[in-house]
mmCIF file of all heavy atoms, coordinates in Angstrom:
data_MODEL
# 
_entry.id   MODEL 
# 
loop_
_atom_site.group_PDB 
_atom_site.id 
_atom_site.type_symbol 
_atom_site.label_atom_id 
_atom_site.label_alt_id 
_atom_site.label_comp_id 
_atom_site.label_asym_id 
_atom_site.label_entity_id 
_atom_site.label_seq_id 
_atom_site.pdbx_PDB_ins_code 
_atom_site.Cartn_x 
_atom_site.Cartn_y 
_atom_site.Cartn_z 
_atom_site.occupancy 
_atom_site.B_iso_or_equiv 
_atom_site.pdbx_formal_charge 
_atom_site.auth_seq_id 
_atom_site.auth_comp_id 
_atom_site.auth_asym_id 
_atom_site.auth_atom_id 
_atom_site.pdbx_PDB_model_num 
ATOM 1   N N   . SER A 1 1  ? -9.446  -17.634 35.572 1.00 0.00 ? 1  SER A N   1 
ATOM 2   C CA  . SER A 1 1  ? -9.063  -16.526 34.524 1.00 0.00 ? 1  SER A CA  1 
ATOM 3   C C   . SER A 1 1  ? -7.559  -16.393 34.552 1.00 0.00 ? 1  SER A C   1 
ATOM 4   O O   . SER A 1 1  ? -6.863  -16.679 35.525 1.00 0.00 ? 1  SER A O   1 
ATOM 5   C CB  . SER A 1 1  ? -9.664  -15.172 35.084 1.00 0.00 ? 1  SER A CB  1 
ATOM 6   O OG  . SER A 1 1  ? -8.982  -14.130 34.313 1.00 0.00 ? 1  SER A OG  1 
ATOM 7   N N   . SER A 1 2  ? -7.084  -16.037 33.416 1.00 0.00 ? 2  SER A N   1 
ATOM 8   C CA  . SER A 1 2  ? -5.538  -15.786 33.196 1.00 0.00 ? 2  SER A CA  1 
ATOM 9   C C   . SER A 1 2  ? -5.209  -14.437 33.517 1.00 0.00 ? 2  SER A C   1 
ATOM 10  O O   . SER A 1 2  ? -4.083  -13.987 33.446 1.00 0.00 ? 2  SER A O   1 
ATOM 11  C CB  . SER A 1 2  ? -5.129  -16.171 31.804 1.00 0.00 ? 2  SER A CB  1 
ATOM 12  O OG  . SER A 1 2  ? -5.795  -15.403 30.936 1.00 0.00 ? 2  SER A OG  1 
ATOM 13  N N   . ALA A 1 3  ? -6.188  -13.605 34.000 1.00 0.00 ? 3  ALA A N   1 
ATOM 14  C CA  . ALA A 1 3  ? -5.828  -12.141 34.265 1.00 0.00 ? 3  ALA A CA  1 
ATOM 15  C C   . ALA A 1 3  ? -5.214  -12.193 35.614 1.00 0.00 ? 3  ALA A C   1 
ATOM 16  O O   . ALA A 1 3  ? -5.648  -12.681 36.681 1.00 0.00 ? 3  ALA A O   1 
ATOM 17  C CB  . ALA A 1 3  ? -7.082  -11.298 34.307 1.00 0.00 ? 3  ALA A CB  1 
ATOM 18  N N   . TYR A 1 4  ? -4.058  -11.543 35.833 1.00 0.00 ? 4  TYR A N   1 
ATOM 19  C CA  . TYR A 1 4  ? -3.158  -11.518 37.016 1.00 0.00 ? 4  TYR A CA  1 
ATOM 20  C C   . TYR A 1 4  ? -4.030  -11.037 38.124 1.00 0.00 ? 4  TYR A C   1 
ATOM 21  O O   . TYR A 1 4  ? -4.136  -11.473 39.260 1.00 0.00 ? 4  TYR A O   1 
ATOM 22  C CB  . TYR A 1 4  ? -1.969  -10.659 36.754 1.00 0.00 ? 4  TYR A CB  1 
ATOM 23  C CG  . TYR A 1 4  ? -1.144  -10.507 37.978 1.00 0.00 ? 4  TYR A CG  1 
ATOM 24  C CD1 . TYR A 1 4  ? -0.242  -11.536 38.477 1.00 0.00 ? 4  TYR A CD1 1 
ATOM 25  C CD2 . TYR A 1 4  ? -1.187  -9.315  38.853 1.00 0.00 ? 4  TYR A CD2 1 
ATOM 26  C CE1 . TYR A 1 4  ? 0.415   -11.318 39.744 1.00 0.00 ? 4  TYR A CE1 1 
ATOM 27  C CE2 . TYR A 1 4  ? -0.533  -9.125  39.818 1.00 0.00 ? 4  TYR A CE2 1 
ATOM 28  C CZ  . TYR A 1 4  ? 0.289   -10.171 40.400 1.00 0.00 ? 4  TYR A CZ  1 
ATOM 29  O OH  . TYR A 1 4  ? 1.030   -9.882  41.463 1.00 0.00 ? 4  TYR A OH  1 
ATOM 30  N N   . SER A 1 5  ? -4.662  -9.773  37.877 1.00 0.00 ? 5  SER A N   1 
ATOM 31  C CA  . SER A 1 5  ? -5.352  -9.134  38.877 1.00 0.00 ? 5  SER A CA  1 
ATOM 32  C C   . SER A 1 5  ? -6.562  -9.975  39.483 1.00 0.00 ? 5  SER A C   1 
ATOM 33  O O   . SER A 1 5  ? -6.918  -9.708  40.729 1.00 0.00 ? 5  SER A O   1 
ATOM 34  C CB  . SER A 1 5  ? -5.842  -7.709  38.477 1.00 0.00 ? 5  SER A CB  1 
ATOM 35  O OG  . SER A 1 5  ? -6.750  -7.818  37.414 1.00 0.00 ? 5  SER A OG  1 
ATOM 36  N N   . VAL A 1 6  ? -7.126  -10.832 38.707 1.00 0.00 ? 6  VAL A N   1 
ATOM 37  C CA  . VAL A 1 6  ? -8.356  -11.423 39.161 1.00 0.00 ? 6  VAL A CA  1 
ATOM 38  C C   . VAL A 1 6  ? -7.977  -12.624 40.047 1.00 0.00 ? 6  VAL A C   1 
ATOM 39  O O   . VAL A 1 6  ? -8.615  -12.891 40.998 1.00 0.00 ? 6  VAL A O   1 
ATOM 40  C CB  . VAL A 1 6  ? -9.159  -12.057 37.965 1.00 0.00 ? 6  VAL A CB  1 
ATOM 41  C CG1 . VAL A 1 6  ? -10.214 -12.946 38.321 1.00 0.00 ? 6  VAL A CG1 1 
ATOM 42  C CG2 . VAL A 1 6  ? -9.663  -10.869 36.994 1.00 0.00 ? 6  VAL A CG2 1 
ATOM 43  N N   . ASN A 1 7  ? -6.863  -13.382 39.702 1.00 0.00 ? 7  ASN A N   1 
ATOM 44  C CA  . ASN A 1 7  ? -6.626  -14.590 40.403 1.00 0.00 ? 7  ASN A CA  1 
ATOM 45  C C   . ASN A 1 7  ? -5.421  -14.757 41.226 1.00 0.00 ? 7  ASN A C   1 
ATOM 46  O O   . ASN A 1 7  ? -5.213  -15.769 42.009 1.00 0.00 ? 7  ASN A O   1 
ATOM 47  C CB  . ASN A 1 7  ? -6.646  -15.786 39.414 1.00 0.00 ? 7  ASN A CB  1 
ATOM 48  C CG  . ASN A 1 7  ? -8.068  -16.183 39.094 1.00 0.00 ? 7  ASN A CG  1 
ATOM 49  O OD1 . ASN A 1 7  ? -8.800  -16.459 39.891 1.00 0.00 ? 7  ASN A OD1 1 
ATOM 50  N ND2 . ASN A 1 7  ? -8.242  -16.271 37.838 1.00 0.00 ? 7  ASN A ND2 1 
ATOM 51  N N   . SER A 1 8  ? -4.436  -13.762 41.271 1.00 0.00 ? 8  SER A N   1 
ATOM 52  C CA  . SER A 1 8  ? -3.244  -13.989 41.930 1.00 0.00 ? 8  SER A CA  1 
ATOM 53  C C   . SER A 1 8  ? -3.433  -14.306 43.477 1.00 0.00 ? 8  SER A C   1 
ATOM 54  O O   . SER A 1 8  ? -2.931  -15.175 44.013 1.00 0.00 ? 8  SER A O   1 
ATOM 55  C CB  . SER A 1 8  ? -2.289  -12.816 41.712 1.00 0.00 ? 8  SER A CB  1 
ATOM 56  O OG  . SER A 1 8  ? -2.886  -11.613 42.069 1.00 0.00 ? 8  SER A OG  1 
ATOM 57  N N   . SER A 1 9  ? -4.210  -13.466 44.167 1.00 0.00 ? 9  SER A N   1 
ATOM 58  C CA  . SER A 1 9  ? -4.442  -13.577 45.517 1.00 0.00 ? 9  SER A CA  1 
ATOM 59  C C   . SER A 1 9  ? -5.208  -14.937 45.843 1.00 0.00 ? 9  SER A C   1 
ATOM 60  O O   . SER A 1 9  ? -4.858  -15.592 46.809 1.00 0.00 ? 9  SER A O   1 
ATOM 61  C CB  . SER A 1 9  ? -5.300  -12.455 46.067 1.00 0.00 ? 9  SER A CB  1 
ATOM 62  O OG  . SER A 1 9  ? -4.594  -11.327 46.031 1.00 0.00 ? 9  SER A OG  1 
ATOM 63  N N   . LEU A 1 10 ? -6.235  -15.215 45.133 1.00 0.00 ? 10 LEU A N   1 
ATOM 64  C CA  . LEU A 1 10 ? -7.028  -16.505 45.360 1.00 0.00 ? 10 LEU A CA  1 
ATOM 65  C C   . LEU A 1 10 ? -6.100  -17.657 45.201 1.00 0.00 ? 10 LEU A C   1 
ATOM 66  O O   . LEU A 1 10 ? -6.132  -18.471 46.073 1.00 0.00 ? 10 LEU A O   1 
ATOM 67  C CB  . LEU A 1 10 ? -8.157  -16.508 44.444 1.00 0.00 ? 10 LEU A CB  1 
ATOM 68  C CG  . LEU A 1 10 ? -8.970  -17.860 44.422 1.00 0.00 ? 10 LEU A CG  1 
ATOM 69  C CD1 . LEU A 1 10 ? -9.603  -18.145 45.803 1.00 0.00 ? 10 LEU A CD1 1 
ATOM 70  C CD2 . LEU A 1 10 ? -10.069 -17.871 43.478 1.00 0.00 ? 10 LEU A CD2 1 
ATOM 71  N N   . GLY A 1 11 ? -5.411  -17.791 44.142 1.00 0.00 ? 11 GLY A N   1 
ATOM 72  C CA  . GLY A 1 11 ? -4.560  -18.929 43.797 1.00 0.00 ? 11 GLY A CA  1 
ATOM 73  C C   . GLY A 1 11 ? -3.390  -19.009 44.919 1.00 0.00 ? 11 GLY A C   1 
ATOM 74  O O   . GLY A 1 11 ? -3.212  -20.093 45.394 1.00 0.00 ? 11 GLY A O   1 
ATOM 75  N N   . PHE A 1 12 ? -2.888  -17.893 45.239 1.00 0.00 ? 12 PHE A N   1 
ATOM 76  C CA  . PHE A 1 12 ? -1.838  -17.868 46.304 1.00 0.00 ? 12 PHE A CA  1 
ATOM 77  C C   . PHE A 1 12 ? -2.373  -18.380 47.629 1.00 0.00 ? 12 PHE A C   1 
ATOM 78  O O   . PHE A 1 12 ? -1.706  -19.334 48.223 1.00 0.00 ? 12 PHE A O   1 
ATOM 79  C CB  . PHE A 1 12 ? -1.284  -16.503 46.564 1.00 0.00 ? 12 PHE A CB  1 
ATOM 80  C CG  . PHE A 1 12 ? -0.170  -16.413 47.420 1.00 0.00 ? 12 PHE A CG  1 
ATOM 81  C CD1 . PHE A 1 12 ? 1.115   -16.513 47.011 1.00 0.00 ? 12 PHE A CD1 1 
ATOM 82  C CD2 . PHE A 1 12 ? -0.379  -16.187 48.833 1.00 0.00 ? 12 PHE A CD2 1 
ATOM 83  C CE1 . PHE A 1 12 ? 2.258   -16.617 47.863 1.00 0.00 ? 12 PHE A CE1 1 
ATOM 84  C CE2 . PHE A 1 12 ? 0.710   -16.192 49.687 1.00 0.00 ? 12 PHE A CE2 1 
ATOM 85  C CZ  . PHE A 1 12 ? 2.019   -16.397 49.312 1.00 0.00 ? 12 PHE A CZ  1 
ATOM 86  N N   . ARG A 1 13 ? -3.598  -17.953 48.034 1.00 0.00 ? 13 ARG A N   1 
ATOM 87  C CA  . ARG A 1 13 ? -4.157  -18.329 49.338 1.00 0.00 ? 13 ARG A CA  1 
ATOM 88  C C   . ARG A 1 13 ? -4.395  -19.933 49.311 1.00 0.00 ? 13 ARG A C   1 
ATOM 89  O O   . ARG A 1 13 ? -4.176  -20.569 50.279 1.00 0.00 ? 13 ARG A O   1 
ATOM 90  C CB  . ARG A 1 13 ? -5.386  -17.569 49.508 1.00 0.00 ? 13 ARG A CB  1 
ATOM 91  C CG  . ARG A 1 13 ? -5.121  -16.252 50.230 1.00 0.00 ? 13 ARG A CG  1 
ATOM 92  C CD  . ARG A 1 13 ? -6.460  -15.501 50.780 1.00 0.00 ? 13 ARG A CD  1 
ATOM 93  N NE  . ARG A 1 13 ? -7.602  -15.697 49.841 1.00 0.00 ? 13 ARG A NE  1 
ATOM 94  C CZ  . ARG A 1 13 ? -7.954  -14.778 49.025 1.00 0.00 ? 13 ARG A CZ  1 
ATOM 95  N NH1 . ARG A 1 13 ? -7.169  -13.686 48.721 1.00 0.00 ? 13 ARG A NH1 1 
ATOM 96  N NH2 . ARG A 1 13 ? -9.054  -14.869 48.209 1.00 0.00 ? 13 ARG A NH2 1 
ATOM 97  N N   . ARG A 1 14 ? -4.892  -20.420 48.258 1.00 0.00 ? 14 ARG A N   1 
ATOM 98  C CA  . ARG A 1 14 ? -5.087  -21.834 48.170 1.00 0.00 ? 14 ARG A CA  1 
ATOM 99  C C   . ARG A 1 14 ? -3.892  -22.725 48.344 1.00 0.00 ? 14 ARG A C   1 
ATOM 100 O O   . ARG A 1 14 ? -3.787  -23.630 49.276 1.00 0.00 ? 14 ARG A O   1 
ATOM 101 C CB  . ARG A 1 14 ? -5.706  -22.234 46.763 1.00 0.00 ? 14 ARG A CB  1 
ATOM 102 C CG  . ARG A 1 14 ? -7.109  -21.879 46.735 1.00 0.00 ? 14 ARG A CG  1 
ATOM 103 C CD  . ARG A 1 14 ? -7.547  -22.406 45.222 1.00 0.00 ? 14 ARG A CD  1 
ATOM 104 N NE  . ARG A 1 14 ? -8.862  -21.812 44.809 1.00 0.00 ? 14 ARG A NE  1 
ATOM 105 C CZ  . ARG A 1 14 ? -9.362  -21.806 43.616 1.00 0.00 ? 14 ARG A CZ  1 
ATOM 106 N NH1 . ARG A 1 14 ? -8.574  -22.279 42.664 1.00 0.00 ? 14 ARG A NH1 1 
ATOM 107 N NH2 . ARG A 1 14 ? -10.501 -21.301 43.359 1.00 0.00 ? 14 ARG A NH2 1 
ATOM 108 N N   . VAL A 1 15 ? -2.834  -22.414 47.617 1.00 0.00 ? 15 VAL A N   1 
ATOM 109 C CA  . VAL A 1 15 ? -1.617  -23.119 47.655 1.00 0.00 ? 15 VAL A CA  1 
ATOM 110 C C   . VAL A 1 15 ? -0.799  -22.849 49.017 1.00 0.00 ? 15 VAL A C   1 
ATOM 111 O O   . VAL A 1 15 ? -0.304  -23.740 49.530 1.00 0.00 ? 15 VAL A O   1 
ATOM 112 C CB  . VAL A 1 15 ? -0.717  -22.952 46.325 1.00 0.00 ? 15 VAL A CB  1 
ATOM 113 C CG1 . VAL A 1 15 ? 0.623   -23.781 46.522 1.00 0.00 ? 15 VAL A CG1 1 
ATOM 114 C CG2 . VAL A 1 15 ? -1.434  -23.302 45.172 1.00 0.00 ? 15 VAL A CG2 1 
ATOM 115 N N   . ALA A 1 16 ? -0.851  -21.621 49.441 1.00 0.00 ? 16 ALA A N   1 
ATOM 116 C CA  . ALA A 1 16 ? -0.169  -21.312 50.648 1.00 0.00 ? 16 ALA A CA  1 
ATOM 117 C C   . ALA A 1 16 ? -0.884  -22.028 51.854 1.00 0.00 ? 16 ALA A C   1 
ATOM 118 O O   . ALA A 1 16 ? -0.082  -22.431 52.828 1.00 0.00 ? 16 ALA A O   1 
ATOM 119 C CB  . ALA A 1 16 ? -0.245  -19.767 50.938 1.00 0.00 ? 16 ALA A CB  1 
ATOM 120 N N   . GLY A 1 17 ? -2.234  -22.289 51.732 1.00 0.00 ? 17 GLY A N   1 
ATOM 121 C CA  . GLY A 1 17 ? -2.875  -23.111 52.808 1.00 0.00 ? 17 GLY A CA  1 
ATOM 122 C C   . GLY A 1 17 ? -2.333  -24.326 52.964 1.00 0.00 ? 17 GLY A C   1 
ATOM 123 O O   . GLY A 1 17 ? -2.112  -24.834 53.990 1.00 0.00 ? 17 GLY A O   1 
ATOM 124 N N   . TYR A 1 18 ? -2.001  -25.063 51.748 1.00 0.00 ? 18 TYR A N   1 
ATOM 125 C CA  . TYR A 1 18 ? -1.339  -26.318 51.818 1.00 0.00 ? 18 TYR A CA  1 
ATOM 126 C C   . TYR A 1 18 ? 0.094   -26.325 52.462 1.00 0.00 ? 18 TYR A C   1 
ATOM 127 O O   . TYR A 1 18 ? 0.269   -27.136 53.442 1.00 0.00 ? 18 TYR A O   1 
ATOM 128 C CB  . TYR A 1 18 ? -1.137  -26.813 50.389 1.00 0.00 ? 18 TYR A CB  1 
ATOM 129 C CG  . TYR A 1 18 ? -0.196  -28.152 50.411 1.00 0.00 ? 18 TYR A CG  1 
ATOM 130 C CD1 . TYR A 1 18 ? -0.848  -29.344 50.740 1.00 0.00 ? 18 TYR A CD1 1 
ATOM 131 C CD2 . TYR A 1 18 ? 1.027   -28.018 49.924 1.00 0.00 ? 18 TYR A CD2 1 
ATOM 132 C CE1 . TYR A 1 18 ? -0.083  -30.560 50.792 1.00 0.00 ? 18 TYR A CE1 1 
ATOM 133 C CE2 . TYR A 1 18 ? 1.864   -29.185 49.897 1.00 0.00 ? 18 TYR A CE2 1 
ATOM 134 C CZ  . TYR A 1 18 ? 1.264   -30.349 50.364 1.00 0.00 ? 18 TYR A CZ  1 
ATOM 135 O OH  . TYR A 1 18 ? 2.048   -31.557 50.357 1.00 0.00 ? 18 TYR A OH  1 
ATOM 136 N N   . ILE A 1 19 ? 0.938   -25.372 52.183 1.00 0.00 ? 19 ILE A N   1 
ATOM 137 C CA  . ILE A 1 19 ? 2.275   -25.382 52.750 1.00 0.00 ? 19 ILE A CA  1 
ATOM 138 C C   . ILE A 1 19 ? 2.252   -24.794 54.223 1.00 0.00 ? 19 ILE A C   1 
ATOM 139 O O   . ILE A 1 19 ? 3.206   -25.087 55.021 1.00 0.00 ? 19 ILE A O   1 
ATOM 140 C CB  . ILE A 1 19 ? 3.296   -24.459 51.955 1.00 0.00 ? 19 ILE A CB  1 
ATOM 141 C CG1 . ILE A 1 19 ? 2.971   -23.078 51.888 1.00 0.00 ? 19 ILE A CG1 1 
ATOM 142 C CG2 . ILE A 1 19 ? 3.381   -25.122 50.518 1.00 0.00 ? 19 ILE A CG2 1 
ATOM 143 C CD1 . ILE A 1 19 ? 4.206   -22.240 51.355 1.00 0.00 ? 19 ILE A CD1 1 
ATOM 144 N N   . PHE A 1 20 ? 1.227   -23.989 54.566 1.00 0.00 ? 20 PHE A N   1 
ATOM 145 C CA  . PHE A 1 20 ? 1.196   -23.642 55.935 1.00 0.00 ? 20 PHE A CA  1 
ATOM 146 C C   . PHE A 1 20 ? 0.480   -24.572 57.075 1.00 0.00 ? 20 PHE A C   1 
ATOM 147 O O   . PHE A 1 20 ? 0.069   -24.098 58.095 1.00 0.00 ? 20 PHE A O   1 
ATOM 148 C CB  . PHE A 1 20 ? 0.529   -22.222 56.072 1.00 0.00 ? 20 PHE A CB  1 
ATOM 149 C CG  . PHE A 1 20 ? 1.301   -21.100 55.298 1.00 0.00 ? 20 PHE A CG  1 
ATOM 150 C CD1 . PHE A 1 20 ? 0.526   -20.123 54.672 1.00 0.00 ? 20 PHE A CD1 1 
ATOM 151 C CD2 . PHE A 1 20 ? 2.693   -21.097 55.116 1.00 0.00 ? 20 PHE A CD2 1 
ATOM 152 C CE1 . PHE A 1 20 ? 1.323   -19.034 54.021 1.00 0.00 ? 20 PHE A CE1 1 
ATOM 153 C CE2 . PHE A 1 20 ? 3.354   -20.125 54.522 1.00 0.00 ? 20 PHE A CE2 1 
ATOM 154 C CZ  . PHE A 1 20 ? 2.662   -19.097 54.014 1.00 0.00 ? 20 PHE A CZ  1 
ATOM 155 N N   . GLY A 1 21 ? 0.286   -25.737 56.350 1.00 0.00 ? 21 GLY A N   1 
ATOM 156 C CA  . GLY A 1 21 ? -0.297  -26.696 57.315 1.00 0.00 ? 21 GLY A CA  1 
ATOM 157 C C   . GLY A 1 21 ? -1.508  -27.438 56.848 1.00 0.00 ? 21 GLY A C   1 
ATOM 158 O O   . GLY A 1 21 ? -2.078  -28.345 57.624 1.00 0.00 ? 21 GLY A O   1 
ATOM 159 N N   . GLY A 1 22 ? -2.174  -26.838 55.924 1.00 0.00 ? 22 GLY A N   1 
ATOM 160 C CA  . GLY A 1 22 ? -3.432  -27.321 55.377 1.00 0.00 ? 22 GLY A CA  1 
ATOM 161 C C   . GLY A 1 22 ? -3.341  -28.684 54.577 1.00 0.00 ? 22 GLY A C   1 
ATOM 162 O O   . GLY A 1 22 ? -3.694  -28.774 53.460 1.00 0.00 ? 22 GLY A O   1 
ATOM 163 N N   . ASN A 1 23 ? -2.660  -29.818 55.262 1.00 0.00 ? 23 ASN A N   1 
ATOM 164 C CA  . ASN A 1 23 ? -2.443  -30.949 54.521 1.00 0.00 ? 23 ASN A CA  1 
ATOM 165 C C   . ASN A 1 23 ? -2.667  -32.269 55.566 1.00 0.00 ? 23 ASN A C   1 
ATOM 166 O O   . ASN A 1 23 ? -2.921  -31.782 56.745 1.00 0.00 ? 23 ASN A O   1 
ATOM 167 C CB  . ASN A 1 23 ? -0.963  -31.008 54.026 1.00 0.00 ? 23 ASN A CB  1 
ATOM 168 C CG  . ASN A 1 23 ? 0.072   -30.711 55.042 1.00 0.00 ? 23 ASN A CG  1 
ATOM 169 O OD1 . ASN A 1 23 ? 0.107   -31.453 56.094 1.00 0.00 ? 23 ASN A OD1 1 
ATOM 170 N ND2 . ASN A 1 23 ? 0.795   -29.634 54.849 1.00 0.00 ? 23 ASN A ND2 1 
ATOM 171 N N   . GLU A 1 24 ? -2.618  -33.340 55.093 1.00 0.00 ? 24 GLU A N   1 
ATOM 172 C CA  . GLU A 1 24 ? -3.041  -34.386 55.938 1.00 0.00 ? 24 GLU A CA  1 
ATOM 173 C C   . GLU A 1 24 ? -2.287  -34.723 57.240 1.00 0.00 ? 24 GLU A C   1 
ATOM 174 O O   . GLU A 1 24 ? -2.770  -35.112 58.208 1.00 0.00 ? 24 GLU A O   1 
ATOM 175 C CB  . GLU A 1 24 ? -3.116  -35.769 55.142 1.00 0.00 ? 24 GLU A CB  1 
ATOM 176 C CG  . GLU A 1 24 ? -1.761  -36.325 54.776 1.00 0.00 ? 24 GLU A CG  1 
ATOM 177 C CD  . GLU A 1 24 ? -1.836  -37.601 54.232 1.00 0.00 ? 24 GLU A CD  1 
ATOM 178 O OE1 . GLU A 1 24 ? -2.935  -38.225 53.850 1.00 0.00 ? 24 GLU A OE1 1 
ATOM 179 O OE2 . GLU A 1 24 ? -0.693  -38.202 53.826 1.00 0.00 ? 24 GLU A OE2 1 
ATOM 180 N N   . LYS A 1 25 ? -1.055  -34.107 57.250 1.00 0.00 ? 25 LYS A N   1 
ATOM 181 C CA  . LYS A 1 25 ? -0.240  -34.252 58.439 1.00 0.00 ? 25 LYS A CA  1 
ATOM 182 C C   . LYS A 1 25 ? -0.117  -32.940 59.218 1.00 0.00 ? 25 LYS A C   1 
ATOM 183 O O   . LYS A 1 25 ? 0.523   -32.854 60.219 1.00 0.00 ? 25 LYS A O   1 
ATOM 184 C CB  . LYS A 1 25 ? 1.104   -34.699 58.007 1.00 0.00 ? 25 LYS A CB  1 
ATOM 185 C CG  . LYS A 1 25 ? 1.280   -36.069 57.384 1.00 0.00 ? 25 LYS A CG  1 
ATOM 186 C CD  . LYS A 1 25 ? 2.704   -36.452 57.117 1.00 0.00 ? 25 LYS A CD  1 
ATOM 187 C CE  . LYS A 1 25 ? 2.878   -37.798 56.482 1.00 0.00 ? 25 LYS A CE  1 
ATOM 188 N NZ  . LYS A 1 25 ? 4.214   -38.028 56.124 1.00 0.00 ? 25 LYS A NZ  1 
ATOM 189 N N   . GLY A 1 26 ? -0.697  -31.821 58.830 1.00 0.00 ? 26 GLY A N   1 
ATOM 190 C CA  . GLY A 1 26 ? -0.588  -30.565 59.460 1.00 0.00 ? 26 GLY A CA  1 
ATOM 191 C C   . GLY A 1 26 ? 0.801   -30.086 59.368 1.00 0.00 ? 26 GLY A C   1 
ATOM 192 O O   . GLY A 1 26 ? 1.104   -29.125 60.284 1.00 0.00 ? 26 GLY A O   1 
# 
């Protein structure tokens, strides 16, 4: 959804997971 309130937290958690070590090298 393009609604800020619906997706801001979910999208943030997904991408933050990558930068906080959720990648192939940890």
